[in-house]
Amino acid sequence: MTVDTDGYLYVTTGVGLQICDQPGRVVAIINKPQSGPLSNVVFAGPDMQTLYVTAGDNVFWRHVRRKGTLPWTPVKPPAPQL
C-alpha cells in the first residue's frame, strides 16, 4: 500500500491496483499485467509522481498526476470530500 498527498490509498489486489478515496470507496482500478499477481506499490522519482508496482520478478512503472509521499512520513490529508 501507499498513499498520495491528497489522501488517496493505492492497494495491490488480485484484480489489479485499486485506488481508494478518503472514505474508502474504490474510485479506479489499474488492471494488473499478465505476469502474475501484484505484490508491492510505492511512489518514487525526483518529483514523487512515478508509481512503481512489482509483479513476480518484474517491476512496472507509470507516471501519474498525483504526488506521492515518502514512506513513514506523517501526512495530514485534507478534509474528506463526501
PDB file of N, CA and C in Angstrom:
ATOM      1  N   MET A   1       0.838  -1.186   0.000  1.00  0.00           N
ATOM      2  CA  MET A   1       0.000   0.000   0.000  1.00  0.00           C
ATOM      3  C   MET A   1       0.876   1.240   0.000  1.00  0.00           C
ATOM      4  N   THR A   2       0.315   2.293  -0.551  1.00  0.00           N
ATOM      5  CA  THR A   2       0.943   3.598  -0.456  1.00  0.00           C
ATOM      6  C   THR A   2      -0.154   4.650  -0.516  1.00  0.00           C
ATOM      7  N   VAL A   3       0.197   5.880  -0.236  1.00  0.00           N
ATOM      8  CA  VAL A   3      -0.784   6.962  -0.185  1.00  0.00           C
ATOM      9  C   VAL A   3      -0.198   8.191  -0.876  1.00  0.00           C
ATOM     10  N   ASP A   4      -1.079   9.026  -1.446  1.00  0.00           N
ATOM     11  CA  ASP A   4      -0.607  10.256  -2.067  1.00  0.00           C
ATOM     12  C   ASP A   4      -0.929  11.454  -1.172  1.00  0.00           C
ATOM     13  N   THR A   5      -0.524  12.626  -1.603  1.00  0.00           N
ATOM     14  CA  THR A   5      -0.697  13.826  -0.778  1.00  0.00           C
ATOM     15  C   THR A   5      -2.147  14.261  -0.641  1.00  0.00           C
ATOM     16  N   ASP A   6      -3.042  13.751  -1.495  1.00  0.00           N
ATOM     17  CA  ASP A   6      -4.464  14.075  -1.398  1.00  0.00           C
ATOM     18  C   ASP A   6      -5.226  13.072  -0.553  1.00  0.00           C
ATOM     19  N   GLY A   7      -4.538  12.085   0.003  1.00  0.00           N
ATOM     20  CA  GLY A   7      -5.184  11.112   0.865  1.00  0.00           C
ATOM     21  C   GLY A   7      -5.741   9.897   0.150  1.00  0.00           C
ATOM     22  N   TYR A   8      -5.422   9.713  -1.123  1.00  0.00           N
ATOM     23  CA  TYR A   8      -5.871   8.532  -1.851  1.00  0.00           C
ATOM     24  C   TYR A   8      -4.955   7.359  -1.520  1.00  0.00           C
ATOM     25  N   LEU A   9      -5.552   6.199  -1.337  1.00  0.00           N
ATOM     26  CA  LEU A   9      -4.831   4.987  -0.969  1.00  0.00           C
ATOM     27  C   LEU A   9      -4.696   4.094  -2.195  1.00  0.00           C
ATOM     28  N   TYR A  10      -3.502   3.568  -2.427  1.00  0.00           N
ATOM     29  CA  TYR A  10      -3.204   2.683  -3.554  1.00  0.00           C
ATOM     30  C   TYR A  10      -2.894   1.305  -2.977  1.00  0.00           C
ATOM     31  N   VAL A  11      -3.684   0.299  -3.387  1.00  0.00           N
ATOM     32  CA  VAL A  11      -3.577  -1.037  -2.808  1.00  0.00           C
ATOM     33  C   VAL A  11      -3.453  -2.055  -3.932  1.00  0.00           C
ATOM     34  N   THR A  12      -2.479  -2.978  -3.792  1.00  0.00           N
ATOM     35  CA  THR A  12      -2.369  -4.067  -4.757  1.00  0.00           C
ATOM     36  C   THR A  12      -3.303  -5.194  -4.341  1.00  0.00           C
ATOM     37  N   THR A  13      -4.102  -5.676  -5.296  1.00  0.00           N
ATOM     38  CA  THR A  13      -5.051  -6.755  -5.031  1.00  0.00           C
ATOM     39  C   THR A  13      -4.973  -7.770  -6.173  1.00  0.00           C
ATOM     40  N   GLY A  14      -5.765  -8.814  -6.078  1.00  0.00           N
ATOM     41  CA  GLY A  14      -5.811  -9.809  -7.138  1.00  0.00           C
ATOM     42  C   GLY A  14      -6.396  -9.268  -8.428  1.00  0.00           C
ATOM     43  N   VAL A  15      -7.180  -8.209  -8.341  1.00  0.00           N
ATOM     44  CA  VAL A  15      -7.801  -7.598  -9.518  1.00  0.00           C
ATOM     45  C   VAL A  15      -6.823  -6.671 -10.231  1.00  0.00           C
ATOM     46  N   GLY A  16      -6.010  -5.981  -9.464  1.00  0.00           N
ATOM     47  CA  GLY A  16      -5.068  -5.002 -10.006  1.00  0.00           C
ATOM     48  C   GLY A  16      -4.730  -3.984  -8.933  1.00  0.00           C
ATOM     49  N   LEU A  17      -4.322  -2.816  -9.351  1.00  0.00           N
ATOM     50  CA  LEU A  17      -4.012  -1.735  -8.419  1.00  0.00           C
ATOM     51  C   LEU A  17      -5.286  -0.932  -8.187  1.00  0.00           C
ATOM     52  N   GLN A  18      -5.823  -1.023  -6.978  1.00  0.00           N
ATOM     53  CA  GLN A  18      -7.052  -0.308  -6.659  1.00  0.00           C
ATOM     54  C   GLN A  18      -6.705   1.016  -5.991  1.00  0.00           C
ATOM     55  N   ILE A  19      -7.407   2.063  -6.411  1.00  0.00           N
ATOM     56  CA  ILE A  19      -7.203   3.398  -5.849  1.00  0.00           C
ATOM     57  C   ILE A  19      -8.474   3.762  -5.092  1.00  0.00           C
ATOM     58  N   CYS A  20      -8.308   4.060  -3.805  1.00  0.00           N
ATOM     59  CA  CYS A  20      -9.447   4.363  -2.934  1.00  0.00           C
ATOM     60  C   CYS A  20      -9.388   5.818  -2.492  1.00  0.00           C
ATOM     61  N   ASP A  21     -10.560   6.456  -2.406  1.00  0.00           N
ATOM     62  CA  ASP A  21     -10.613   7.825  -1.901  1.00  0.00           C
ATOM     63  C   ASP A  21     -10.581   7.805  -0.375  1.00  0.00           C
ATOM     64  N   GLN A  22     -10.692   8.969   0.244  1.00  0.00           N
ATOM     65  CA  GLN A  22     -10.557   9.070   1.696  1.00  0.00           C
ATOM     66  C   GLN A  22     -11.597   8.268   2.468  1.00  0.00           C
ATOM     67  N   PRO A  23     -12.865   8.223   2.045  1.00  0.00           N
ATOM     68  CA  PRO A  23     -13.835   7.393   2.771  1.00  0.00           C
ATOM     69  C   PRO A  23     -13.675   5.901   2.514  1.00  0.00           C
ATOM     70  N   GLY A  24     -12.799   5.506   1.592  1.00  0.00           N
ATOM     71  CA  GLY A  24     -12.547   4.091   1.343  1.00  0.00           C
ATOM     72  C   GLY A  24     -13.213   3.516   0.111  1.00  0.00           C
ATOM     73  N   ARG A  25     -13.867   4.355  -0.682  1.00  0.00           N
ATOM     74  CA  ARG A  25     -14.513   3.879  -1.909  1.00  0.00           C
ATOM     75  C   ARG A  25     -13.471   3.681  -3.005  1.00  0.00           C
ATOM     76  N   VAL A  26     -13.586   2.604  -3.761  1.00  0.00           N
ATOM     77  CA  VAL A  26     -12.691   2.364  -4.895  1.00  0.00           C
ATOM     78  C   VAL A  26     -13.117   3.291  -6.025  1.00  0.00           C
ATOM     79  N   VAL A  27     -12.208   4.173  -6.443  1.00  0.00           N
ATOM     80  CA  VAL A  27     -12.526   5.132  -7.497  1.00  0.00           C
ATOM     81  C   VAL A  27     -11.881   4.759  -8.824  1.00  0.00           C
ATOM     82  N   ALA A  28     -10.891   3.862  -8.804  1.00  0.00           N
ATOM     83  CA  ALA A  28     -10.238   3.428 -10.039  1.00  0.00           C
ATOM     84  C   ALA A  28      -9.530   2.103  -9.798  1.00  0.00           C
ATOM     85  N   ILE A  29      -9.399   1.333 -10.869  1.00  0.00           N
ATOM     86  CA  ILE A  29      -8.631   0.093 -10.833  1.00  0.00           C
ATOM     87  C   ILE A  29      -7.737   0.077 -12.069  1.00  0.00           C
ATOM     88  N   ILE A  30      -6.438  -0.051 -11.851  1.00  0.00           N
ATOM     89  CA  ILE A  30      -5.496  -0.219 -12.953  1.00  0.00           C
ATOM     90  C   ILE A  30      -5.278  -1.716 -13.096  1.00  0.00           C
ATOM     91  N   ASN A  31      -5.639  -2.259 -14.249  1.00  0.00           N
ATOM     92  CA  ASN A  31      -5.534  -3.701 -14.465  1.00  0.00           C
ATOM     93  C   ASN A  31      -4.111  -4.184 -14.262  1.00  0.00           C
ATOM     94  N   LYS A  32      -4.001  -5.393 -13.712  1.00  0.00           N
ATOM     95  CA  LYS A  32      -2.683  -5.964 -13.472  1.00  0.00           C
ATOM     96  C   LYS A  32      -2.112  -6.502 -14.781  1.00  0.00           C
ATOM     97  N   PRO A  33      -0.788  -6.535 -14.908  1.00  0.00           N
ATOM     98  CA  PRO A  33      -0.173  -7.117 -16.105  1.00  0.00           C
ATOM     99  C   PRO A  33      -0.347  -8.631 -16.102  1.00  0.00           C
ATOM    100  N   GLN A  34      -0.083  -9.249 -17.201  1.00  0.00           N
ATOM    101  CA  GLN A  34      -0.249 -10.692 -17.327  1.00  0.00           C
ATOM    102  C   GLN A  34       0.842 -11.489 -16.624  1.00  0.00           C
ATOM    103  N   SER A  35       1.809 -10.818 -16.019  1.00  0.00           N
ATOM    104  CA  SER A  35       2.963 -11.519 -15.438  1.00  0.00           C
ATOM    105  C   SER A  35       2.741 -12.038 -14.023  1.00  0.00           C
ATOM    106  N   GLY A  36       1.546 -11.973 -13.507  1.00  0.00           N
ATOM    107  CA  GLY A  36       1.293 -12.517 -12.182  1.00  0.00           C
ATOM    108  C   GLY A  36       0.663 -11.516 -11.249  1.00  0.00           C
ATOM    109  N   PRO A  37       0.432 -11.939  -9.996  1.00  0.00           N
ATOM    110  CA  PRO A  37      -0.213 -11.042  -9.032  1.00  0.00           C
ATOM    111  C   PRO A  37       0.707  -9.892  -8.617  1.00  0.00           C
ATOM    112  N   LEU A  38       0.099  -8.762  -8.299  1.00  0.00           N
ATOM    113  CA  LEU A  38       0.855  -7.606  -7.821  1.00  0.00           C
ATOM    114  C   LEU A  38       1.236  -7.813  -6.366  1.00  0.00           C
ATOM    115  N   SER A  39       2.400  -7.296  -5.973  1.00  0.00           N
ATOM    116  CA  SER A  39       2.826  -7.521  -4.603  1.00  0.00           C
ATOM    117  C   SER A  39       3.187  -6.240  -3.854  1.00  0.00           C
ATOM    118  N   ASN A  40       3.723  -5.232  -4.509  1.00  0.00           N
ATOM    119  CA  ASN A  40       4.146  -4.007  -3.824  1.00  0.00           C
ATOM    120  C   ASN A  40       3.811  -2.802  -4.688  1.00  0.00           C
ATOM    121  N   VAL A  41       3.618  -1.649  -4.047  1.00  0.00           N
ATOM    122  CA  VAL A  41       3.396  -0.399  -4.756  1.00  0.00           C
ATOM    123  C   VAL A  41       4.046   0.723  -3.954  1.00  0.00           C
ATOM    124  N   VAL A  42       4.683   1.666  -4.661  1.00  0.00           N
ATOM    125  CA  VAL A  42       5.350   2.786  -3.992  1.00  0.00           C
ATOM    126  C   VAL A  42       5.487   3.945  -4.971  1.00  0.00           C
ATOM    127  N   PHE A  43       5.429   5.158  -4.447  1.00  0.00           N
ATOM    128  CA  PHE A  43       5.740   6.351  -5.229  1.00  0.00           C
ATOM    129  C   PHE A  43       7.241   6.598  -5.118  1.00  0.00           C
ATOM    130  N   ALA A  44       7.861   7.042  -6.213  1.00  0.00           N
ATOM    131  CA  ALA A  44       9.292   7.345  -6.200  1.00  0.00           C
ATOM    132  C   ALA A  44       9.587   8.341  -7.322  1.00  0.00           C
ATOM    133  N   GLY A  45      10.859   8.581  -7.537  1.00  0.00           N
ATOM    134  CA  GLY A  45      11.284   9.515  -8.570  1.00  0.00           C
ATOM    135  C   GLY A  45      11.569  10.879  -7.973  1.00  0.00           C
ATOM    136  N   PRO A  46      12.191  11.743  -8.747  1.00  0.00           N
ATOM    137  CA  PRO A  46      12.570  13.064  -8.224  1.00  0.00           C
ATOM    138  C   PRO A  46      11.368  13.923  -7.851  1.00  0.00           C
ATOM    139  N   ASP A  47      10.233  13.721  -8.518  1.00  0.00           N
ATOM    140  CA  ASP A  47       9.045  14.524  -8.239  1.00  0.00           C
ATOM    141  C   ASP A  47       7.968  13.739  -7.481  1.00  0.00           C
ATOM    142  N   MET A  48       8.264  12.492  -7.094  1.00  0.00           N
ATOM    143  CA  MET A  48       7.326  11.605  -6.394  1.00  0.00           C
ATOM    144  C   MET A  48       6.029  11.421  -7.183  1.00  0.00           C
ATOM    145  N   GLN A  49       6.136  11.443  -8.515  1.00  0.00           N
ATOM    146  CA  GLN A  49       4.970  11.244  -9.363  1.00  0.00           C
ATOM    147  C   GLN A  49       5.122  10.017 -10.256  1.00  0.00           C
ATOM    148  N   THR A  50       6.028   9.126  -9.901  1.00  0.00           N
ATOM    149  CA  THR A  50       6.175   7.865 -10.616  1.00  0.00           C
ATOM    150  C   THR A  50       5.739   6.754  -9.677  1.00  0.00           C
ATOM    151  N   LEU A  51       4.790   5.956 -10.132  1.00  0.00           N
ATOM    152  CA  LEU A  51       4.231   4.865  -9.341  1.00  0.00           C
ATOM    153  C   LEU A  51       4.886   3.566  -9.803  1.00  0.00           C
ATOM    154  N   TYR A  52       5.533   2.858  -8.876  1.00  0.00           N
ATOM    155  CA  TYR A  52       6.188   1.585  -9.187  1.00  0.00           C
ATOM    156  C   TYR A  52       5.392   0.450  -8.555  1.00  0.00           C
ATOM    157  N   VAL A  53       5.199  -0.629  -9.328  1.00  0.00           N
ATOM    158  CA  VAL A  53       4.469  -1.801  -8.858  1.00  0.00           C
ATOM    159  C   VAL A  53       5.277  -3.038  -9.223  1.00  0.00           C
ATOM    160  N   THR A  54       5.374  -3.988  -8.293  1.00  0.00           N
ATOM    161  CA  THR A  54       6.064  -5.242  -8.587  1.00  0.00           C
ATOM    162  C   THR A  54       5.039  -6.348  -8.818  1.00  0.00           C
ATOM    163  N   ALA A  55       5.372  -7.229  -9.763  1.00  0.00           N
ATOM    164  CA  ALA A  55       4.544  -8.392 -10.074  1.00  0.00           C
ATOM    165  C   ALA A  55       5.506  -9.530 -10.389  1.00  0.00           C
ATOM    166  N   GLY A  56       5.588 -10.485  -9.480  1.00  0.00           N
ATOM    167  CA  GLY A  56       6.563 -11.558  -9.656  1.00  0.00           C
ATOM    168  C   GLY A  56       7.964 -10.990  -9.580  1.00  0.00           C
ATOM    169  N   ASP A  57       8.790 -11.244 -10.612  1.00  0.00           N
ATOM    170  CA  ASP A  57      10.146 -10.680 -10.632  1.00  0.00           C
ATOM    171  C   ASP A  57      10.240  -9.489 -11.584  1.00  0.00           C
ATOM    172  N   ASN A  58       9.103  -8.872 -11.924  1.00  0.00           N
ATOM    173  CA  ASN A  58       9.062  -7.701 -12.800  1.00  0.00           C
ATOM    174  C   ASN A  58       8.694  -6.453 -12.015  1.00  0.00           C
ATOM    175  N   VAL A  59       9.204  -5.315 -12.489  1.00  0.00           N
ATOM    176  CA  VAL A  59       8.847  -4.014 -11.921  1.00  0.00           C
ATOM    177  C   VAL A  59       8.232  -3.176 -13.031  1.00  0.00           C
ATOM    178  N   PHE A  60       7.035  -2.635 -12.775  1.00  0.00           N
ATOM    179  CA  PHE A  60       6.340  -1.787 -13.734  1.00  0.00           C
ATOM    180  C   PHE A  60       6.238  -0.390 -13.155  1.00  0.00           C
ATOM    181  N   TRP A  61       6.256   0.614 -14.013  1.00  0.00           N
ATOM    182  CA  TRP A  61       6.134   1.987 -13.536  1.00  0.00           C
ATOM    183  C   TRP A  61       5.202   2.763 -14.444  1.00  0.00           C
ATOM    184  N   ARG A  62       4.625   3.822 -13.866  1.00  0.00           N
ATOM    185  CA  ARG A  62       3.733   4.703 -14.605  1.00  0.00           C
ATOM    186  C   ARG A  62       3.828   6.091 -14.000  1.00  0.00           C
ATOM    187  N   HIS A  63       3.979   7.107 -14.853  1.00  0.00           N
ATOM    188  CA  HIS A  63       3.965   8.487 -14.385  1.00  0.00           C
ATOM    189  C   HIS A  63       2.517   8.881 -14.147  1.00  0.00           C
ATOM    190  N   VAL A  64       2.217   9.450 -12.984  1.00  0.00           N
ATOM    191  CA  VAL A  64       0.850   9.825 -12.622  1.00  0.00           C
ATOM    192  C   VAL A  64       0.781  11.316 -12.295  1.00  0.00           C
ATOM    193  N   ARG A  65      -0.419  11.850 -12.289  1.00  0.00           N
ATOM    194  CA  ARG A  65      -0.607  13.282 -11.994  1.00  0.00           C
ATOM    195  C   ARG A  65      -0.525  13.581 -10.509  1.00  0.00           C
ATOM    196  N   ARG A  66      -0.909  12.632  -9.689  1.00  0.00           N
ATOM    197  CA  ARG A  66      -0.883  12.843  -8.239  1.00  0.00           C
ATOM    198  C   ARG A  66       0.540  12.700  -7.713  1.00  0.00           C
ATOM    199  N   LYS A  67       0.792  13.333  -6.586  1.00  0.00           N
ATOM    200  CA  LYS A  67       2.117  13.300  -5.990  1.00  0.00           C
ATOM    201  C   LYS A  67       2.092  12.410  -4.754  1.00  0.00           C
ATOM    202  N   GLY A  68       3.012  11.473  -4.673  1.00  0.00           N
ATOM    203  CA  GLY A  68       3.069  10.546  -3.556  1.00  0.00           C
ATOM    204  C   GLY A  68       3.826  11.110  -2.370  1.00  0.00           C
ATOM    205  N   THR A  69       3.795  10.371  -1.295  1.00  0.00           N
ATOM    206  CA  THR A  69       4.523  10.739  -0.091  1.00  0.00           C
ATOM    207  C   THR A  69       5.602   9.706   0.175  1.00  0.00           C
ATOM    208  N   LEU A  70       6.599  10.087   0.919  1.00  0.00           N
ATOM    209  CA  LEU A  70       7.646   9.149   1.291  1.00  0.00           C
ATOM    210  C   LEU A  70       7.119   8.190   2.358  1.00  0.00           C
ATOM    211  N   PRO A  71       7.551   6.932   2.305  1.00  0.00           N
ATOM    212  CA  PRO A  71       7.125   6.001   3.363  1.00  0.00           C
ATOM    213  C   PRO A  71       7.558   6.505   4.731  1.00  0.00           C
ATOM    214  N   TRP A  72       6.756   6.268   5.730  1.00  0.00           N
ATOM    215  CA  TRP A  72       7.000   6.621   7.123  1.00  0.00           C
ATOM    216  C   TRP A  72       7.001   8.119   7.370  1.00  0.00           C
ATOM    217  N   THR A  73       6.478   8.898   6.427  1.00  0.00           N
ATOM    218  CA  THR A  73       6.352  10.334   6.623  1.00  0.00           C
ATOM    219  C   THR A  73       4.913  10.642   7.006  1.00  0.00           C
ATOM    220  N   PRO A  74       4.684  11.265   8.160  1.00  0.00           N
ATOM    221  CA  PRO A  74       3.299  11.565   8.540  1.00  0.00           C
ATOM    222  C   PRO A  74       2.677  12.564   7.563  1.00  0.00           C
ATOM    223  N   VAL A  75       1.447  12.314   7.198  1.00  0.00           N
ATOM    224  CA  VAL A  75       0.728  13.173   6.259  1.00  0.00           C
ATOM    225  C   VAL A  75      -0.604  13.545   6.870  1.00  0.00           C
ATOM    226  N   LYS A  76      -0.933  14.816   6.797  1.00  0.00           N
ATOM    227  CA  LYS A  76      -2.261  15.247   7.225  1.00  0.00           C
ATOM    228  C   LYS A  76      -3.063  15.522   5.970  1.00  0.00           C
ATOM    229  N   PRO A  77      -3.914  14.568   5.565  1.00  0.00           N
ATOM    230  CA  PRO A  77      -4.689  14.759   4.343  1.00  0.00           C
ATOM    231  C   PRO A  77      -5.738  15.849   4.520  1.00  0.00           C
ATOM    232  N   PRO A  78      -6.202  16.394   3.406  1.00  0.00           N
ATOM    233  CA  PRO A  78      -7.264  17.387   3.502  1.00  0.00           C
ATOM    234  C   PRO A  78      -8.553  16.768   4.031  1.00  0.00           C
ATOM    235  N   ALA A  79      -9.509  17.589   4.381  1.00  0.00           N
ATOM    236  CA  ALA A  79     -10.796  17.097   4.898  1.00  0.00           C
ATOM    237  C   ALA A  79     -11.464  16.205   3.848  1.00  0.00           C
ATOM    238  N   PRO A  80     -12.103  15.109   4.263  1.00  0.00           N
ATOM    239  CA  PRO A  80     -12.771  14.216   3.311  1.00  0.00           C
ATOM    240  C   PRO A  80     -13.820  14.951   2.492  1.00  0.00           C
ATOM    241  N   GLN A  81     -13.887  14.567   1.220  1.00  0.00           N
ATOM    242  CA  GLN A  81     -14.854  15.170   0.305  1.00  0.00           C
ATOM    243  C   GLN A  81     -15.959  14.149   0.062  1.00  0.00           C
ATOM    244  N   LEU A  82     -16.969  14.200   0.879  1.00  0.00           N
ATOM    245  CA  LEU A  82     -18.050  13.212   0.768  1.00  0.00           C
ATOM    246  C   LEU A  82     -19.049  13.580  -0.252  1.00  0.00           C
TER     247      LEU A  82
END
